[in-house]
Amino acid sequence: MRVGLLGTGPMTRAIGARLVQAGHTAVIGSRDAQRAAAVARDIGGDAHGTGYRDAAACEVVIVAVHDPVAVDVVAGLSEVLDGAVLIDLGNPLDPPHWESRYAGGPSLAERIADAAPGARVVKAFNTVYAELLALPSAAGSEPPQTFIASDDAEAAALVIALARELGTAPVDVGSLRMARHLEAVAGFEVAMVASGFAAAVATRLSAVPPA
């Protein structure tokens, strides 16, 4: 499967590497196609660098540029993204307290859905630090959980399967509105990392199975 990644930061590098390892094609898109090509070379394998528009033409597209640029980038690609499964992994957090700038209102994921009404938007991977995804999967170790939120059941199922291929443990948390909670969880994680608790984290739910 061809997966587009918009952006050239740490999450693109980590997820791009895992995509290639899983046998997928990673199409890295950037305003600067040369920068995207350099990132693709670093990833290796079946990774390619290009501009935003070509990356957005893939059947699955991951938005890995920072808010508020993310919404503007998606809006500019809205026609190209029509029908695509669009994964938002961003977190609209402001220092020093790392609270969401959209607290009490639509989440970043919901704003991205509004910017590309023809896309099938899924929130995923936003609570897993890139540094953890960049680590090789250790045999016998518990994979990091990633929480999946979407209003499109088929798109959610595709992302759940992809998340599993990428070495994470997906948890379907329901509708896209749940992204508001997921972005708040990410704020807690960033605050803990900023406090010196750890260099990188991923939230995991410990659960008693329902009766």
N, C-alpha and C. Protein backbone atom coordinates (compact mmCIF):
# COMPACT_ATOMS: atom_id res chain seq x y z
N MET A 1 0.84 -1.19 0.00
CA MET A 1 0.00 0.00 0.00
C MET A 1 0.88 1.25 0.00
N ARG A 2 0.45 2.25 -0.75
CA ARG A 2 1.16 3.53 -0.77
C ARG A 2 0.58 4.43 0.31
N VAL A 3 1.43 4.87 1.21
CA VAL A 3 1.01 5.73 2.31
C VAL A 3 1.74 7.05 2.20
N GLY A 4 0.99 8.13 2.11
CA GLY A 4 1.59 9.46 2.05
C GLY A 4 1.80 10.01 3.44
N LEU A 5 2.90 10.70 3.65
CA LEU A 5 3.19 11.35 4.92
C LEU A 5 3.48 12.82 4.64
N LEU A 6 2.65 13.69 5.17
CA LEU A 6 2.83 15.13 4.97
C LEU A 6 3.69 15.67 6.10
N GLY A 7 4.92 16.08 5.77
CA GLY A 7 5.85 16.55 6.78
C GLY A 7 7.11 15.72 6.79
N THR A 8 8.16 16.27 7.40
CA THR A 8 9.47 15.61 7.39
C THR A 8 10.08 15.49 8.78
N GLY A 9 9.25 15.58 9.81
CA GLY A 9 9.75 15.56 11.17
C GLY A 9 9.95 14.16 11.73
N PRO A 10 10.17 14.06 13.04
CA PRO A 10 10.47 12.78 13.68
C PRO A 10 9.38 11.72 13.49
N MET A 11 8.10 12.10 13.53
CA MET A 11 7.05 11.10 13.35
C MET A 11 7.05 10.55 11.93
N THR A 12 7.29 11.40 10.96
CA THR A 12 7.39 10.91 9.58
C THR A 12 8.54 9.93 9.44
N ARG A 13 9.67 10.26 10.03
CA ARG A 13 10.83 9.37 9.94
C ARG A 13 10.55 8.03 10.62
N ALA A 14 9.95 8.06 11.81
CA ALA A 14 9.71 6.83 12.56
C ALA A 14 8.64 5.97 11.89
N ILE A 15 7.52 6.58 11.53
CA ILE A 15 6.44 5.81 10.90
C ILE A 15 6.85 5.39 9.49
N GLY A 16 7.54 6.27 8.77
CA GLY A 16 8.00 5.91 7.44
C GLY A 16 8.89 4.68 7.45
N ALA A 17 9.79 4.61 8.42
CA ALA A 17 10.68 3.45 8.53
C ALA A 17 9.89 2.18 8.82
N ARG A 18 8.90 2.29 9.70
CA ARG A 18 8.08 1.11 10.02
C ARG A 18 7.21 0.70 8.83
N LEU A 19 6.72 1.66 8.08
CA LEU A 19 5.94 1.34 6.88
C LEU A 19 6.77 0.54 5.89
N VAL A 20 7.98 1.00 5.63
CA VAL A 20 8.86 0.32 4.69
C VAL A 20 9.20 -1.08 5.19
N GLN A 21 9.48 -1.20 6.48
CA GLN A 21 9.78 -2.51 7.05
C GLN A 21 8.61 -3.48 6.92
N ALA A 22 7.38 -2.93 6.93
CA ALA A 22 6.18 -3.77 6.82
C ALA A 22 5.80 -4.05 5.37
N GLY A 23 6.59 -3.55 4.42
CA GLY A 23 6.34 -3.84 3.02
C GLY A 23 5.51 -2.82 2.28
N HIS A 24 5.28 -1.67 2.89
CA HIS A 24 4.51 -0.60 2.25
C HIS A 24 5.45 0.41 1.57
N THR A 25 4.87 1.26 0.76
CA THR A 25 5.60 2.36 0.14
C THR A 25 5.31 3.64 0.92
N ALA A 26 6.35 4.32 1.35
CA ALA A 26 6.20 5.58 2.08
C ALA A 26 6.50 6.73 1.13
N VAL A 27 5.50 7.59 0.92
CA VAL A 27 5.65 8.74 0.03
C VAL A 27 5.70 9.99 0.90
N ILE A 28 6.89 10.55 1.05
CA ILE A 28 7.10 11.69 1.93
C ILE A 28 6.83 12.98 1.17
N GLY A 29 5.92 13.80 1.70
CA GLY A 29 5.58 15.05 1.04
C GLY A 29 5.98 16.25 1.88
N SER A 30 6.49 17.28 1.21
CA SER A 30 6.92 18.50 1.90
C SER A 30 6.76 19.69 0.97
N ARG A 31 6.74 20.91 1.54
CA ARG A 31 6.82 22.11 0.71
C ARG A 31 8.12 22.12 -0.07
N ASP A 32 9.15 21.51 0.53
CA ASP A 32 10.48 21.44 -0.07
C ASP A 32 10.72 19.99 -0.50
N ALA A 33 10.52 19.70 -1.78
CA ALA A 33 10.63 18.33 -2.27
C ALA A 33 12.03 17.77 -2.06
N GLN A 34 13.05 18.63 -2.11
CA GLN A 34 14.42 18.14 -1.89
C GLN A 34 14.60 17.67 -0.45
N ARG A 35 13.99 18.39 0.49
CA ARG A 35 14.06 17.96 1.88
C ARG A 35 13.33 16.62 2.05
N ALA A 36 12.18 16.48 1.41
CA ALA A 36 11.44 15.22 1.47
C ALA A 36 12.27 14.08 0.89
N ALA A 37 12.97 14.35 -0.20
CA ALA A 37 13.81 13.32 -0.82
C ALA A 37 14.94 12.91 0.11
N ALA A 38 15.51 13.87 0.84
CA ALA A 38 16.59 13.56 1.79
C ALA A 38 16.07 12.67 2.92
N VAL A 39 14.87 12.97 3.42
CA VAL A 39 14.28 12.14 4.47
C VAL A 39 14.01 10.74 3.94
N ALA A 40 13.51 10.64 2.71
CA ALA A 40 13.25 9.33 2.11
C ALA A 40 14.54 8.52 1.97
N ARG A 41 15.62 9.18 1.60
CA ARG A 41 16.91 8.48 1.51
C ARG A 41 17.34 7.97 2.88
N ASP A 42 17.13 8.76 3.91
CA ASP A 42 17.49 8.33 5.26
C ASP A 42 16.67 7.11 5.68
N ILE A 43 15.39 7.10 5.31
CA ILE A 43 14.53 5.96 5.65
C ILE A 43 14.95 4.73 4.87
N GLY A 44 15.25 4.92 3.59
CA GLY A 44 15.69 3.81 2.76
C GLY A 44 14.54 2.96 2.26
N GLY A 45 14.87 1.87 1.57
CA GLY A 45 13.85 0.96 1.08
C GLY A 45 12.91 1.66 0.12
N ASP A 46 11.64 1.30 0.20
CA ASP A 46 10.64 1.84 -0.72
C ASP A 46 10.04 3.13 -0.17
N ALA A 47 10.90 4.12 0.04
CA ALA A 47 10.48 5.45 0.48
C ALA A 47 10.87 6.46 -0.58
N HIS A 48 9.99 7.41 -0.83
CA HIS A 48 10.21 8.38 -1.90
C HIS A 48 9.84 9.78 -1.41
N GLY A 49 10.57 10.78 -1.85
CA GLY A 49 10.30 12.16 -1.47
C GLY A 49 9.69 12.94 -2.60
N THR A 50 8.74 13.80 -2.28
CA THR A 50 8.03 14.57 -3.29
C THR A 50 7.40 15.80 -2.64
N GLY A 51 6.51 16.47 -3.36
CA GLY A 51 5.77 17.59 -2.79
C GLY A 51 4.51 17.11 -2.09
N TYR A 52 3.84 18.04 -1.43
CA TYR A 52 2.62 17.71 -0.70
C TYR A 52 1.58 17.04 -1.59
N ARG A 53 1.36 17.57 -2.78
CA ARG A 53 0.25 17.12 -3.61
C ARG A 53 0.39 15.66 -4.01
N ASP A 54 1.58 15.24 -4.39
CA ASP A 54 1.78 13.84 -4.77
C ASP A 54 1.59 12.91 -3.58
N ALA A 55 2.08 13.32 -2.42
CA ALA A 55 1.90 12.49 -1.22
C ALA A 55 0.43 12.39 -0.84
N ALA A 56 -0.31 13.48 -1.05
CA ALA A 56 -1.73 13.49 -0.70
C ALA A 56 -2.58 12.64 -1.63
N ALA A 57 -2.02 12.21 -2.76
CA ALA A 57 -2.75 11.40 -3.71
C ALA A 57 -2.77 9.91 -3.34
N CYS A 58 -2.13 9.54 -2.25
CA CYS A 58 -2.12 8.15 -1.81
C CYS A 58 -3.46 7.78 -1.19
N GLU A 59 -3.74 6.47 -1.09
CA GLU A 59 -5.03 6.04 -0.52
C GLU A 59 -5.09 6.27 0.99
N VAL A 60 -3.94 6.24 1.64
CA VAL A 60 -3.84 6.58 3.06
C VAL A 60 -2.83 7.71 3.18
N VAL A 61 -3.20 8.75 3.91
CA VAL A 61 -2.34 9.92 4.06
C VAL A 61 -2.25 10.27 5.54
N ILE A 62 -1.04 10.48 6.03
CA ILE A 62 -0.80 10.84 7.43
C ILE A 62 -0.39 12.30 7.50
N VAL A 63 -1.12 13.06 8.30
CA VAL A 63 -0.80 14.48 8.49
C VAL A 63 0.20 14.59 9.64
N ALA A 64 1.44 14.90 9.31
CA ALA A 64 2.50 14.96 10.32
C ALA A 64 3.19 16.32 10.30
N VAL A 65 2.40 17.36 10.05
CA VAL A 65 2.89 18.74 10.17
C VAL A 65 2.21 19.38 11.36
N HIS A 66 2.87 20.35 11.96
CA HIS A 66 2.37 20.93 13.20
C HIS A 66 1.14 21.80 12.98
N ASP A 67 0.24 21.78 13.96
CA ASP A 67 -0.86 22.73 14.01
C ASP A 67 -0.28 24.11 14.36
N PRO A 68 -0.80 25.21 13.85
CA PRO A 68 -1.98 25.32 12.98
C PRO A 68 -1.68 25.17 11.50
N VAL A 69 -0.43 24.91 11.14
CA VAL A 69 -0.11 24.73 9.73
C VAL A 69 -0.86 23.54 9.15
N ALA A 70 -1.09 22.51 9.96
CA ALA A 70 -1.73 21.29 9.49
C ALA A 70 -3.07 21.56 8.83
N VAL A 71 -3.90 22.36 9.47
CA VAL A 71 -5.23 22.64 8.92
C VAL A 71 -5.11 23.37 7.59
N ASP A 72 -4.20 24.32 7.50
CA ASP A 72 -4.01 25.06 6.25
C ASP A 72 -3.51 24.15 5.13
N VAL A 73 -2.57 23.27 5.46
CA VAL A 73 -2.04 22.34 4.46
C VAL A 73 -3.15 21.43 3.95
N VAL A 74 -3.93 20.87 4.86
CA VAL A 74 -5.02 19.98 4.48
C VAL A 74 -6.07 20.72 3.64
N ALA A 75 -6.41 21.93 4.05
CA ALA A 75 -7.39 22.70 3.29
C ALA A 75 -6.93 22.94 1.85
N GLY A 76 -5.64 23.18 1.69
CA GLY A 76 -5.10 23.41 0.36
C GLY A 76 -5.06 22.16 -0.51
N LEU A 77 -5.18 20.99 0.13
CA LEU A 77 -5.14 19.71 -0.58
C LEU A 77 -6.49 19.02 -0.58
N SER A 78 -7.52 19.73 -0.19
CA SER A 78 -8.83 19.13 0.04
C SER A 78 -9.33 18.30 -1.14
N GLU A 79 -9.21 18.82 -2.35
CA GLU A 79 -9.70 18.09 -3.52
C GLU A 79 -8.90 16.81 -3.76
N VAL A 80 -7.60 16.88 -3.57
CA VAL A 80 -6.75 15.70 -3.77
C VAL A 80 -7.06 14.63 -2.73
N LEU A 81 -7.42 15.05 -1.52
CA LEU A 81 -7.66 14.13 -0.41
C LEU A 81 -9.06 13.51 -0.44
N ASP A 82 -9.88 13.90 -1.39
CA ASP A 82 -11.25 13.39 -1.45
C ASP A 82 -11.24 11.86 -1.53
N GLY A 83 -11.88 11.19 -0.57
CA GLY A 83 -11.95 9.74 -0.53
C GLY A 83 -10.81 9.06 0.19
N ALA A 84 -9.75 9.78 0.50
CA ALA A 84 -8.59 9.19 1.17
C ALA A 84 -8.87 8.95 2.65
N VAL A 85 -8.20 7.95 3.20
CA VAL A 85 -8.16 7.78 4.65
C VAL A 85 -7.07 8.73 5.16
N LEU A 86 -7.48 9.69 5.97
CA LEU A 86 -6.58 10.77 6.40
C LEU A 86 -6.33 10.64 7.90
N ILE A 87 -5.10 10.30 8.26
CA ILE A 87 -4.74 10.09 9.66
C ILE A 87 -4.12 11.36 10.23
N ASP A 88 -4.73 11.85 11.30
CA ASP A 88 -4.18 13.01 12.02
C ASP A 88 -3.49 12.52 13.28
N LEU A 89 -2.20 12.85 13.41
CA LEU A 89 -1.47 12.46 14.62
C LEU A 89 -0.98 13.67 15.41
N GLY A 90 -1.51 14.84 15.08
CA GLY A 90 -1.03 16.07 15.70
C GLY A 90 -1.63 16.37 17.06
N ASN A 91 -0.96 17.27 17.77
CA ASN A 91 -1.42 17.72 19.09
C ASN A 91 -1.27 19.23 19.19
N PRO A 92 -2.38 19.96 19.35
CA PRO A 92 -2.33 21.43 19.39
C PRO A 92 -2.03 21.96 20.78
N LEU A 93 -0.79 21.80 21.21
CA LEU A 93 -0.41 22.09 22.60
C LEU A 93 0.48 23.33 22.69
N ASP A 94 0.25 24.11 23.73
CA ASP A 94 1.05 25.32 23.94
C ASP A 94 1.82 25.24 25.25
N PRO A 95 3.12 25.61 25.25
CA PRO A 95 3.87 25.71 26.50
C PRO A 95 3.39 26.93 27.27
N PRO A 96 3.63 27.00 28.57
CA PRO A 96 4.44 26.06 29.35
C PRO A 96 3.64 24.92 29.97
N HIS A 97 2.31 24.97 29.90
CA HIS A 97 1.50 23.96 30.58
C HIS A 97 1.04 22.84 29.65
N TRP A 98 1.27 22.99 28.37
CA TRP A 98 0.97 21.96 27.38
C TRP A 98 -0.51 21.58 27.36
N GLU A 99 -1.35 22.60 27.48
CA GLU A 99 -2.79 22.40 27.36
C GLU A 99 -3.21 22.65 25.91
N SER A 100 -4.28 21.98 25.49
CA SER A 100 -4.75 22.15 24.12
C SER A 100 -5.26 23.56 23.89
N ARG A 101 -4.84 24.16 22.79
CA ARG A 101 -5.36 25.49 22.46
C ARG A 101 -6.81 25.42 21.99
N TYR A 102 -7.30 24.20 21.79
CA TYR A 102 -8.69 24.02 21.37
C TYR A 102 -9.55 23.42 22.47
N ALA A 103 -9.10 23.50 23.71
CA ALA A 103 -9.86 22.93 24.83
C ALA A 103 -11.27 23.51 24.85
N GLY A 104 -12.26 22.63 24.98
CA GLY A 104 -13.64 23.06 25.02
C GLY A 104 -14.28 23.23 23.66
N GLY A 105 -13.50 23.09 22.61
CA GLY A 105 -14.03 23.24 21.26
C GLY A 105 -13.66 22.05 20.40
N PRO A 106 -13.88 22.14 19.10
CA PRO A 106 -13.49 21.03 18.23
C PRO A 106 -12.00 20.73 18.34
N SER A 107 -11.66 19.46 18.29
CA SER A 107 -10.27 19.02 18.33
C SER A 107 -9.57 19.37 17.02
N LEU A 108 -8.25 19.21 17.02
CA LEU A 108 -7.50 19.37 15.78
C LEU A 108 -8.02 18.41 14.71
N ALA A 109 -8.28 17.17 15.10
CA ALA A 109 -8.77 16.17 14.14
C ALA A 109 -10.10 16.60 13.52
N GLU A 110 -10.98 17.15 14.34
CA GLU A 110 -12.28 17.61 13.82
C GLU A 110 -12.10 18.80 12.89
N ARG A 111 -11.15 19.66 13.19
CA ARG A 111 -10.87 20.81 12.33
C ARG A 111 -10.28 20.35 11.00
N ILE A 112 -9.45 19.33 11.04
CA ILE A 112 -8.91 18.75 9.81
C ILE A 112 -10.03 18.13 8.98
N ALA A 113 -10.98 17.46 9.65
CA ALA A 113 -12.12 16.89 8.94
C ALA A 113 -12.95 17.98 8.26
N ASP A 114 -13.11 19.10 8.92
CA ASP A 114 -13.83 20.23 8.32
C ASP A 114 -13.07 20.80 7.12
N ALA A 115 -11.74 20.78 7.21
CA ALA A 115 -10.91 21.33 6.13
C ALA A 115 -10.89 20.44 4.89
N ALA A 116 -11.15 19.14 5.08
CA ALA A 116 -11.17 18.19 3.97
C ALA A 116 -12.42 17.33 4.09
N PRO A 117 -13.58 17.88 3.79
CA PRO A 117 -14.84 17.17 4.04
C PRO A 117 -15.01 15.87 3.27
N GLY A 118 -14.27 15.69 2.20
CA GLY A 118 -14.37 14.44 1.45
C GLY A 118 -13.44 13.35 1.94
N ALA A 119 -12.55 13.67 2.87
CA ALA A 119 -11.61 12.69 3.42
C ALA A 119 -12.25 11.91 4.56
N ARG A 120 -11.70 10.75 4.84
CA ARG A 120 -12.19 9.88 5.92
C ARG A 120 -11.17 9.98 7.06
N VAL A 121 -11.45 10.84 8.00
CA VAL A 121 -10.44 11.24 8.99
C VAL A 121 -10.41 10.29 10.18
N VAL A 122 -9.20 9.94 10.58
CA VAL A 122 -8.96 9.07 11.73
C VAL A 122 -7.90 9.72 12.61
N LYS A 123 -8.15 9.79 13.89
CA LYS A 123 -7.12 10.22 14.85
C LYS A 123 -6.36 8.98 15.30
N ALA A 124 -5.03 9.03 15.23
CA ALA A 124 -4.23 7.87 15.65
C ALA A 124 -2.79 8.31 15.87
N PHE A 125 -2.06 7.55 16.68
CA PHE A 125 -0.62 7.71 16.91
C PHE A 125 -0.24 8.98 17.67
N ASN A 126 -1.19 9.78 18.10
CA ASN A 126 -0.82 11.06 18.72
C ASN A 126 -0.34 10.92 20.15
N THR A 127 -0.53 9.75 20.77
CA THR A 127 -0.08 9.56 22.15
C THR A 127 1.16 8.68 22.24
N VAL A 128 1.80 8.42 21.10
CA VAL A 128 3.03 7.62 21.08
C VAL A 128 4.17 8.51 20.59
N TYR A 129 5.18 8.68 21.40
CA TYR A 129 6.33 9.51 21.01
C TYR A 129 7.09 8.87 19.85
N ALA A 130 7.59 9.70 18.96
CA ALA A 130 8.35 9.22 17.82
C ALA A 130 9.55 8.39 18.25
N GLU A 131 10.17 8.78 19.36
CA GLU A 131 11.35 8.04 19.84
C GLU A 131 11.03 6.58 20.14
N LEU A 132 9.81 6.31 20.60
CA LEU A 132 9.41 4.93 20.86
C LEU A 132 9.17 4.18 19.56
N LEU A 133 8.54 4.84 18.59
CA LEU A 133 8.30 4.21 17.30
C LEU A 133 9.61 3.97 16.55
N ALA A 134 10.63 4.76 16.85
CA ALA A 134 11.91 4.61 16.17
C ALA A 134 12.72 3.44 16.72
N LEU A 135 12.34 2.95 17.90
CA LEU A 135 13.05 1.81 18.48
C LEU A 135 12.66 0.53 17.77
N PRO A 136 13.59 -0.43 17.62
CA PRO A 136 13.20 -1.72 17.06
C PRO A 136 12.27 -2.45 18.02
N SER A 137 11.29 -3.16 17.46
CA SER A 137 10.37 -3.92 18.30
C SER A 137 11.13 -5.05 18.97
N ALA A 138 11.01 -5.14 20.29
CA ALA A 138 11.71 -6.17 21.04
C ALA A 138 10.81 -7.39 21.21
N ALA A 139 11.35 -8.56 20.93
CA ALA A 139 10.58 -9.78 21.06
C ALA A 139 10.12 -9.95 22.51
N GLY A 140 8.84 -10.25 22.67
CA GLY A 140 8.30 -10.49 24.01
C GLY A 140 7.89 -9.24 24.75
N SER A 141 8.22 -8.06 24.24
CA SER A 141 7.86 -6.83 24.93
C SER A 141 6.45 -6.39 24.52
N GLU A 142 5.80 -5.64 25.39
CA GLU A 142 4.47 -5.14 25.07
C GLU A 142 4.58 -3.97 24.11
N PRO A 143 3.86 -4.01 22.99
CA PRO A 143 3.92 -2.88 22.06
C PRO A 143 3.17 -1.68 22.64
N PRO A 144 3.55 -0.48 22.25
CA PRO A 144 2.81 0.69 22.71
C PRO A 144 1.39 0.68 22.15
N GLN A 145 0.45 1.10 22.96
CA GLN A 145 -0.92 1.23 22.47
C GLN A 145 -1.06 2.51 21.66
N THR A 146 -1.89 2.44 20.63
CA THR A 146 -2.30 3.66 19.94
C THR A 146 -3.81 3.68 19.86
N PHE A 147 -4.38 4.82 20.15
CA PHE A 147 -5.83 4.95 20.24
C PHE A 147 -6.38 5.49 18.93
N ILE A 148 -7.45 4.84 18.45
CA ILE A 148 -8.01 5.11 17.13
C ILE A 148 -9.40 5.71 17.29
N ALA A 149 -9.62 6.89 16.74
CA ALA A 149 -10.93 7.55 16.82
C ALA A 149 -11.36 7.99 15.42
N SER A 150 -12.59 7.65 15.05
CA SER A 150 -13.09 8.03 13.72
C SER A 150 -14.60 7.89 13.66
N ASP A 151 -15.21 8.66 12.77
CA ASP A 151 -16.63 8.50 12.49
C ASP A 151 -16.88 7.55 11.33
N ASP A 152 -15.81 7.02 10.74
CA ASP A 152 -15.90 6.13 9.58
C ASP A 152 -15.38 4.75 10.00
N ALA A 153 -16.29 3.79 10.14
CA ALA A 153 -15.91 2.47 10.66
C ALA A 153 -14.91 1.76 9.75
N GLU A 154 -15.08 1.87 8.44
CA GLU A 154 -14.16 1.20 7.52
C GLU A 154 -12.77 1.83 7.58
N ALA A 155 -12.73 3.14 7.65
CA ALA A 155 -11.43 3.82 7.76
C ALA A 155 -10.74 3.44 9.06
N ALA A 156 -11.51 3.39 10.15
CA ALA A 156 -10.95 3.01 11.44
C ALA A 156 -10.39 1.60 11.38
N ALA A 157 -11.12 0.68 10.74
CA ALA A 157 -10.65 -0.71 10.64
C ALA A 157 -9.35 -0.79 9.85
N LEU A 158 -9.24 -0.01 8.79
CA LEU A 158 -8.00 0.00 8.01
C LEU A 158 -6.84 0.51 8.85
N VAL A 159 -7.06 1.57 9.60
CA VAL A 159 -5.98 2.14 10.42
C VAL A 159 -5.63 1.20 11.57
N ILE A 160 -6.61 0.52 12.13
CA ILE A 160 -6.33 -0.47 13.17
C ILE A 160 -5.42 -1.56 12.63
N ALA A 161 -5.72 -2.06 11.43
CA ALA A 161 -4.87 -3.09 10.83
C ALA A 161 -3.47 -2.55 10.54
N LEU A 162 -3.40 -1.32 10.05
CA LEU A 162 -2.10 -0.72 9.76
C LEU A 162 -1.30 -0.50 11.04
N ALA A 163 -1.97 -0.01 12.08
CA ALA A 163 -1.28 0.22 13.36
C ALA A 163 -0.69 -1.08 13.90
N ARG A 164 -1.42 -2.17 13.72
CA ARG A 164 -0.92 -3.47 14.18
C ARG A 164 0.31 -3.88 13.36
N GLU A 165 0.26 -3.66 12.05
CA GLU A 165 1.41 -3.96 11.20
C GLU A 165 2.64 -3.15 11.61
N LEU A 166 2.41 -1.94 12.10
CA LEU A 166 3.52 -1.07 12.46
C LEU A 166 4.05 -1.34 13.86
N GLY A 167 3.54 -2.40 14.50
CA GLY A 167 4.09 -2.81 15.78
C GLY A 167 3.49 -2.14 16.99
N THR A 168 2.29 -1.59 16.84
CA THR A 168 1.59 -1.01 17.99
C THR A 168 0.34 -1.82 18.28
N ALA A 169 -0.24 -1.58 19.45
CA ALA A 169 -1.47 -2.28 19.86
C ALA A 169 -2.63 -1.29 19.75
N PRO A 170 -3.43 -1.37 18.68
CA PRO A 170 -4.49 -0.39 18.48
C PRO A 170 -5.68 -0.61 19.41
N VAL A 171 -6.27 0.49 19.84
CA VAL A 171 -7.47 0.46 20.68
C VAL A 171 -8.49 1.40 20.02
N ASP A 172 -9.63 0.84 19.61
CA ASP A 172 -10.70 1.65 19.01
C ASP A 172 -11.44 2.36 20.13
N VAL A 173 -11.38 3.69 20.15
CA VAL A 173 -12.01 4.44 21.24
C VAL A 173 -13.32 5.10 20.82
N GLY A 174 -13.73 4.90 19.56
CA GLY A 174 -15.03 5.43 19.16
C GLY A 174 -14.94 6.57 18.17
N SER A 175 -15.86 7.51 18.31
CA SER A 175 -16.05 8.57 17.31
C SER A 175 -14.89 9.56 17.29
N LEU A 176 -14.87 10.37 16.23
CA LEU A 176 -13.80 11.36 16.08
C LEU A 176 -13.83 12.39 17.21
N ARG A 177 -14.97 12.59 17.82
CA ARG A 177 -15.06 13.52 18.94
C ARG A 177 -14.13 13.10 20.09
N MET A 178 -13.85 11.80 20.18
CA MET A 178 -12.94 11.31 21.22
C MET A 178 -11.53 11.86 21.04
N ALA A 179 -11.24 12.40 19.87
CA ALA A 179 -9.92 13.02 19.67
C ALA A 179 -9.69 14.16 20.65
N ARG A 180 -10.75 14.79 21.13
CA ARG A 180 -10.59 15.85 22.13
C ARG A 180 -9.91 15.29 23.38
N HIS A 181 -10.32 14.10 23.79
CA HIS A 181 -9.70 13.47 24.96
C HIS A 181 -8.28 13.02 24.63
N LEU A 182 -8.08 12.47 23.44
CA LEU A 182 -6.75 11.98 23.07
C LEU A 182 -5.73 13.11 23.01
N GLU A 183 -6.14 14.26 22.54
CA GLU A 183 -5.22 15.40 22.49
C GLU A 183 -4.90 15.90 23.90
N ALA A 184 -5.87 15.79 24.81
CA ALA A 184 -5.61 16.15 26.21
C ALA A 184 -4.64 15.15 26.85
N VAL A 185 -4.79 13.87 26.53
CA VAL A 185 -3.86 12.85 27.03
C VAL A 185 -2.44 13.17 26.55
N ALA A 186 -2.32 13.56 25.30
CA ALA A 186 -1.00 13.91 24.77
C ALA A 186 -0.41 15.10 25.52
N GLY A 187 -1.25 16.05 25.90
CA GLY A 187 -0.76 17.18 26.68
C GLY A 187 -0.19 16.74 28.01
N PHE A 188 -0.85 15.79 28.66
CA PHE A 188 -0.33 15.23 29.91
C PHE A 188 1.02 14.57 29.67
N GLU A 189 1.12 13.81 28.58
CA GLU A 189 2.39 13.14 28.28
C GLU A 189 3.52 14.15 28.09
N VAL A 190 3.26 15.18 27.30
CA VAL A 190 4.31 16.17 27.02
C VAL A 190 4.72 16.88 28.30
N ALA A 191 3.75 17.18 29.16
CA ALA A 191 4.07 17.83 30.44
C ALA A 191 4.95 16.93 31.30
N MET A 192 4.68 15.63 31.29
CA MET A 192 5.50 14.70 32.07
C MET A 192 6.92 14.60 31.51
N VAL A 193 7.04 14.57 30.19
CA VAL A 193 8.37 14.55 29.59
C VAL A 193 9.11 15.85 29.90
N ALA A 194 8.41 16.97 29.82
CA ALA A 194 9.03 18.26 30.11
C ALA A 194 9.48 18.36 31.57
N SER A 195 8.81 17.62 32.46
CA SER A 195 9.17 17.64 33.88
C SER A 195 10.40 16.80 34.18
N GLY A 196 10.85 16.01 33.20
CA GLY A 196 12.00 15.15 33.41
C GLY A 196 11.64 13.72 33.77
N PHE A 197 10.37 13.38 33.75
CA PHE A 197 9.94 12.02 34.10
C PHE A 197 10.56 10.98 33.17
N ALA A 198 10.61 11.27 31.89
CA ALA A 198 11.15 10.34 30.90
C ALA A 198 11.51 11.12 29.65
N ALA A 199 12.27 10.47 28.77
CA ALA A 199 12.63 11.11 27.51
C ALA A 199 11.53 10.96 26.47
N ALA A 200 10.72 9.92 26.61
CA ALA A 200 9.63 9.66 25.67
C ALA A 200 8.64 8.71 26.34
N VAL A 201 7.36 8.85 26.02
CA VAL A 201 6.34 8.03 26.67
C VAL A 201 5.25 7.66 25.67
N ALA A 202 4.43 6.69 26.09
CA ALA A 202 3.19 6.35 25.38
C ALA A 202 2.22 5.86 26.44
N THR A 203 1.03 6.42 26.46
CA THR A 203 0.03 6.03 27.45
C THR A 203 -0.49 4.63 27.14
N ARG A 204 -0.66 3.83 28.18
CA ARG A 204 -1.21 2.48 28.04
C ARG A 204 -2.31 2.30 29.07
N LEU A 205 -3.44 1.73 28.66
CA LEU A 205 -4.55 1.49 29.57
C LEU A 205 -4.43 0.10 30.18
N SER A 206 -4.45 0.03 31.50
CA SER A 206 -4.56 -1.25 32.20
C SER A 206 -6.04 -1.48 32.45
N ALA A 207 -6.55 -2.64 32.09
CA ALA A 207 -8.00 -2.83 32.10
C ALA A 207 -8.41 -4.17 32.68
N VAL A 208 -9.54 -4.17 33.35
CA VAL A 208 -10.24 -5.40 33.74
C VAL A 208 -11.28 -5.67 32.66
N PRO A 209 -11.28 -6.84 32.03
CA PRO A 209 -12.25 -7.11 30.96
C PRO A 209 -13.68 -6.95 31.46
N PRO A 210 -14.57 -6.44 30.59
CA PRO A 210 -15.97 -6.30 31.00
C PRO A 210 -16.61 -7.65 31.29
N ALA A 211 -17.56 -7.65 32.18
CA ALA A 211 -18.23 -8.90 32.55
C ALA A 211 -19.05 -9.41 31.37
